[in-house]
């Protein structure tokens, strides 16, 4: 049986601990989504524009969803350069793994 899922969970848990050690939020959540799905607000108040060049499943953009995102500032606006909604089963597995570490 492959150890790939547990290796992936350990890697993600390690990345989350690394972010937390430097003051980052381990898993930001969506606070709100505009009607077009082109702008989201994270739980810390950060507003991100999602450009059409990013493939984001609009149905997954729901308040409370955990996300992993990167952005750069362009013209005073935070524009996502990567954006991924984390499936809740992955989030649960990561938190469980962190708790065991």
C-alpha atoms as a PDB file:
ATOM      1  CA  UNK A   1       0.000   0.000   0.000  1.00  0.00           C
ATOM      2  CA  UNK A   2       1.330   3.446  -0.914  1.00  0.00           C
ATOM      3  CA  UNK A   3       2.374   5.939   1.735  1.00  0.00           C
ATOM      4  CA  UNK A   4       1.738   8.844  -0.672  1.00  0.00           C
ATOM      5  CA  UNK A   5      -1.407  10.244   1.044  1.00  0.00           C
ATOM      6  CA  UNK A   6       0.251  10.353   4.460  1.00  0.00           C
ATOM      7  CA  UNK A   7       3.443  11.841   2.961  1.00  0.00           C
ATOM      8  CA  UNK A   8       1.324  14.532   1.296  1.00  0.00           C
ATOM      9  CA  UNK A   9      -0.486  15.271   4.570  1.00  0.00           C
ATOM     10  CA  UNK A  10       2.849  15.509   6.421  1.00  0.00           C
ATOM     11  CA  UNK A  11       4.221  17.866   3.772  1.00  0.00           C
ATOM     12  CA  UNK A  12       1.145  20.076   3.933  1.00  0.00           C
ATOM     13  CA  UNK A  13       1.199  20.006   7.738  1.00  0.00           C
ATOM     14  CA  UNK A  14       4.866  20.999   7.644  1.00  0.00           C
ATOM     15  CA  UNK A  15       4.109  23.904   5.312  1.00  0.00           C
ATOM     16  CA  UNK A  16       1.273  25.061   7.555  1.00  0.00           C
ATOM     17  CA  UNK A  17       3.483  24.925  10.654  1.00  0.00           C
ATOM     18  CA  UNK A  18       6.162  26.859   8.728  1.00  0.00           C
ATOM     19  CA  UNK A  19       3.654  29.583   7.780  1.00  0.00           C
ATOM     20  CA  UNK A  20       2.345  29.745  11.343  1.00  0.00           C
ATOM     21  CA  UNK A  21       5.869  30.117  12.724  1.00  0.00           C
ATOM     22  CA  UNK A  22       6.247  33.297  10.690  1.00  0.00           C
ATOM     23  CA  UNK A  23       2.918  34.790  11.726  1.00  0.00           C
ATOM     24  CA  UNK A  24       0.869  33.643   8.740  1.00  0.00           C
ATOM     25  CA  UNK A  25      -2.585  32.236   9.092  1.00  0.00           C
ATOM     26  CA  UNK A  26      -2.340  28.473   8.624  1.00  0.00           C
ATOM     27  CA  UNK A  27      -5.523  28.168   6.574  1.00  0.00           C
ATOM     28  CA  UNK A  28      -7.316  31.408   5.761  1.00  0.00           C
ATOM     29  CA  UNK A  29     -11.044  31.156   5.224  1.00  0.00           C
ATOM     30  CA  UNK A  30     -13.324  33.036   2.890  1.00  0.00           C
ATOM     31  CA  UNK A  31     -15.358  35.654   4.697  1.00  0.00           C
ATOM     32  CA  UNK A  32     -17.317  36.788   1.641  1.00  0.00           C
ATOM     33  CA  UNK A  33     -17.467  36.459  -2.128  1.00  0.00           C
ATOM     34  CA  UNK A  34     -18.854  39.080  -4.485  1.00  0.00           C
ATOM     35  CA  UNK A  35     -21.759  38.106  -6.748  1.00  0.00           C
ATOM     36  CA  UNK A  36     -19.488  37.660  -9.784  1.00  0.00           C
ATOM     37  CA  UNK A  37     -16.940  35.511  -7.954  1.00  0.00           C
ATOM     38  CA  UNK A  38     -14.172  37.855  -9.120  1.00  0.00           C
ATOM     39  CA  UNK A  39     -13.373  39.295  -5.690  1.00  0.00           C
ATOM     40  CA  UNK A  40     -13.148  37.496  -2.361  1.00  0.00           C
ATOM     41  CA  UNK A  41     -12.551  38.734   1.164  1.00  0.00           C
ATOM     42  CA  UNK A  42     -10.546  36.562   3.539  1.00  0.00           C
ATOM     43  CA  UNK A  43     -11.238  36.241   7.260  1.00  0.00           C
ATOM     44  CA  UNK A  44      -8.424  38.717   8.008  1.00  0.00           C
ATOM     45  CA  UNK A  45     -10.080  41.384   5.817  1.00  0.00           C
ATOM     46  CA  UNK A  46      -7.743  40.939   2.834  1.00  0.00           C
ATOM     47  CA  UNK A  47      -9.582  41.491  -0.462  1.00  0.00           C
ATOM     48  CA  UNK A  48      -8.268  39.536  -3.436  1.00  0.00           C
ATOM     49  CA  UNK A  49      -9.167  39.991  -7.076  1.00  0.00           C
ATOM     50  CA  UNK A  50      -9.284  36.688  -8.952  1.00  0.00           C
ATOM     51  CA  UNK A  51      -8.214  37.268 -12.552  1.00  0.00           C
ATOM     52  CA  UNK A  52      -9.814  35.296 -15.388  1.00  0.00           C
ATOM     53  CA  UNK A  53      -6.439  33.628 -16.022  1.00  0.00           C
ATOM     54  CA  UNK A  54      -6.833  31.577 -12.793  1.00  0.00           C
ATOM     55  CA  UNK A  55      -9.001  28.480 -13.000  1.00  0.00           C
ATOM     56  CA  UNK A  56     -11.142  28.694  -9.863  1.00  0.00           C
ATOM     57  CA  UNK A  57     -14.323  26.690  -9.451  1.00  0.00           C
ATOM     58  CA  UNK A  58     -16.871  29.394  -8.653  1.00  0.00           C
ATOM     59  CA  UNK A  59     -19.187  26.883  -6.918  1.00  0.00           C
ATOM     60  CA  UNK A  60     -16.457  26.250  -4.333  1.00  0.00           C
ATOM     61  CA  UNK A  61     -16.222  29.949  -3.411  1.00  0.00           C
ATOM     62  CA  UNK A  62     -18.394  29.936  -0.312  1.00  0.00           C
ATOM     63  CA  UNK A  63     -17.959  31.762   2.983  1.00  0.00           C
ATOM     64  CA  UNK A  64     -16.157  29.540   5.469  1.00  0.00           C
ATOM     65  CA  UNK A  65     -14.190  27.639   2.804  1.00  0.00           C
ATOM     66  CA  UNK A  66     -10.477  27.237   3.570  1.00  0.00           C
ATOM     67  CA  UNK A  67      -8.149  28.560   0.895  1.00  0.00           C
ATOM     68  CA  UNK A  68      -4.496  28.720  -0.052  1.00  0.00           C
ATOM     69  CA  UNK A  69      -3.654  31.851  -2.029  1.00  0.00           C
ATOM     70  CA  UNK A  70      -0.786  34.000  -3.211  1.00  0.00           C
ATOM     71  CA  UNK A  71      -1.085  37.489  -4.613  1.00  0.00           C
ATOM     72  CA  UNK A  72       0.810  40.484  -5.875  1.00  0.00           C
ATOM     73  CA  UNK A  73      -0.161  44.117  -5.720  1.00  0.00           C
ATOM     74  CA  UNK A  74      -1.022  45.755  -9.025  1.00  0.00           C
ATOM     75  CA  UNK A  75      -2.272  49.320  -9.105  1.00  0.00           C
ATOM     76  CA  UNK A  76      -3.141  49.247  -5.409  1.00  0.00           C
ATOM     77  CA  UNK A  77      -5.170  46.036  -5.782  1.00  0.00           C
ATOM     78  CA  UNK A  78      -4.225  42.601  -4.471  1.00  0.00           C
ATOM     79  CA  UNK A  79      -4.451  40.268  -7.454  1.00  0.00           C
ATOM     80  CA  UNK A  80      -4.301  36.532  -6.860  1.00  0.00           C
ATOM     81  CA  UNK A  81      -1.432  34.765  -8.604  1.00  0.00           C
ATOM     82  CA  UNK A  82      -2.566  31.380  -7.264  1.00  0.00           C
ATOM     83  CA  UNK A  83      -5.776  30.428  -5.534  1.00  0.00           C
ATOM     84  CA  UNK A  84      -6.996  27.055  -4.356  1.00  0.00           C
ATOM     85  CA  UNK A  85     -10.033  26.134  -2.296  1.00  0.00           C
ATOM     86  CA  UNK A  86      -8.947  23.362   0.044  1.00  0.00           C
ATOM     87  CA  UNK A  87     -11.358  20.410   0.195  1.00  0.00           C
ATOM     88  CA  UNK A  88     -12.714  20.019   3.715  1.00  0.00           C
ATOM     89  CA  UNK A  89     -11.493  16.398   3.929  1.00  0.00           C
ATOM     90  CA  UNK A  90      -7.917  17.588   3.252  1.00  0.00           C
ATOM     91  CA  UNK A  91      -8.214  20.317   5.882  1.00  0.00           C
ATOM     92  CA  UNK A  92      -9.466  17.785   8.429  1.00  0.00           C
ATOM     93  CA  UNK A  93      -6.655  15.378   7.621  1.00  0.00           C
ATOM     94  CA  UNK A  94      -4.039  18.126   7.946  1.00  0.00           C
ATOM     95  CA  UNK A  95      -5.387  19.344  11.268  1.00  0.00           C
ATOM     96  CA  UNK A  96      -5.470  15.753  12.531  1.00  0.00           C
ATOM     97  CA  UNK A  97      -1.868  15.243  11.405  1.00  0.00           C
ATOM     98  CA  UNK A  98      -0.760  18.485  13.070  1.00  0.00           C
ATOM     99  CA  UNK A  99      -2.428  17.456  16.306  1.00  0.00           C
ATOM    100  CA  UNK A 100      -0.491  14.165  16.277  1.00  0.00           C
ATOM    101  CA  UNK A 101       2.886  15.873  15.611  1.00  0.00           C
END
